[in-house]
C-alpha atoms as a PDB file:
ATOM      1  CA  MET A   1       3.655   4.603  18.453  1.00  0.00           C
ATOM      2  CA  GLN A   2       1.045   2.319  19.991  1.00  0.00           C
ATOM      3  CA  MET A   3      -2.280   1.506  18.430  1.00  0.00           C
ATOM      4  CA  GLY A   4      -5.392   1.624  20.526  1.00  0.00           C
ATOM      5  CA  PRO A   5      -7.532  -1.505  20.685  1.00  0.00           C
ATOM      6  CA  ASN A   6     -10.176   0.020  18.422  1.00  0.00           C
ATOM      7  CA  VAL A   7      -7.639   0.792  15.681  1.00  0.00           C
ATOM      8  CA  GLY A   8      -6.212  -2.716  15.898  1.00  0.00           C
ATOM      9  CA  ASP A   9      -9.701  -4.189  15.601  1.00  0.00           C
ATOM     10  CA  GLN A  10     -10.455  -1.995  12.582  1.00  0.00           C
ATOM     11  CA  LEU A  11      -7.273  -3.106  10.844  1.00  0.00           C
ATOM     12  CA  MET A  12      -8.008  -6.767  11.599  1.00  0.00           C
ATOM     13  CA  VAL A  13     -11.491  -6.461  10.093  1.00  0.00           C
ATOM     14  CA  ALA A  14     -10.073  -4.551   7.120  1.00  0.00           C
ATOM     15  CA  ALA A  15      -7.539  -7.318   6.480  1.00  0.00           C
ATOM     16  CA  HIS A  16     -10.338  -9.898   6.527  1.00  0.00           C
ATOM     17  CA  LEU A  17     -12.419  -7.805   4.146  1.00  0.00           C
ATOM     18  CA  LEU A  18      -9.491  -7.381   1.774  1.00  0.00           C
ATOM     19  CA  TRP A  19      -9.097 -11.175   1.759  1.00  0.00           C
ATOM     20  CA  ARG A  20     -12.750 -11.469   0.736  1.00  0.00           C
ATOM     21  CA  ALA A  21     -12.378  -8.656  -1.803  1.00  0.00           C
ATOM     22  CA  ARG A  22      -9.834 -10.698  -3.742  1.00  0.00           C
ATOM     23  CA  LYS A  23     -12.785 -12.743  -4.959  1.00  0.00           C
ATOM     24  CA  LYS A  24     -14.192  -9.670  -6.699  1.00  0.00           C
ATOM     25  CA  ASN A  25     -16.346  -8.505  -3.786  1.00  0.00           C
ATOM     26  CA  SER A  26     -16.277  -4.756  -4.390  1.00  0.00           C
ATOM     27  CA  ASP A  27     -18.415  -3.991  -1.329  1.00  0.00           C
ATOM     28  CA  ALA A  28     -15.860  -5.679   0.934  1.00  0.00           C
ATOM     29  CA  TYR A  29     -13.066  -3.731  -0.752  1.00  0.00           C
ATOM     30  CA  ARG A  30     -14.832  -0.375  -0.225  1.00  0.00           C
ATOM     31  CA  LEU A  31     -15.607  -1.144   3.409  1.00  0.00           C
ATOM     32  CA  ALA A  32     -12.004  -2.208   4.030  1.00  0.00           C
ATOM     33  CA  ALA A  33     -10.738   1.006   2.465  1.00  0.00           C
ATOM     34  CA  ASN A  34     -13.015   3.065   4.723  1.00  0.00           C
ATOM     35  CA  LEU A  35     -11.858   1.185   7.823  1.00  0.00           C
ATOM     36  CA  ILE A  36      -8.209   1.708   6.902  1.00  0.00           C
ATOM     37  CA  LEU A  37      -8.756   5.430   6.318  1.00  0.00           C
ATOM     38  CA  ASN A  38     -10.568   5.709   9.656  1.00  0.00           C
ATOM     39  CA  ALA A  39      -7.761   3.848  11.445  1.00  0.00           C
ATOM     40  CA  GLU A  40      -5.202   6.133   9.806  1.00  0.00           C
ATOM     41  CA  ALA A  41      -7.123   9.196  10.979  1.00  0.00           C
ATOM     42  CA  CYS A  42      -7.177   7.810  14.538  1.00  0.00           C
ATOM     43  CA  LEU A  43      -3.422   7.216  14.456  1.00  0.00           C
ATOM     44  CA  CYS A  44      -2.724  10.703  13.119  1.00  0.00           C
ATOM     45  CA  ALA A  45      -4.934  12.274  15.791  1.00  0.00           C
ATOM     46  CA  SER A  46      -3.050  10.588  18.625  1.00  0.00           C
END
């Protein structure tokens, strides 16, 4: 299975946000979770 460029970008941003979330940034954690769920939906739709 190949990821489209948009999904790869979303996962890269999500990884960065999760890194920031480790410092107790709950907004970054929520945004990362939403990006990961969106990327998962894109992968399942393809």
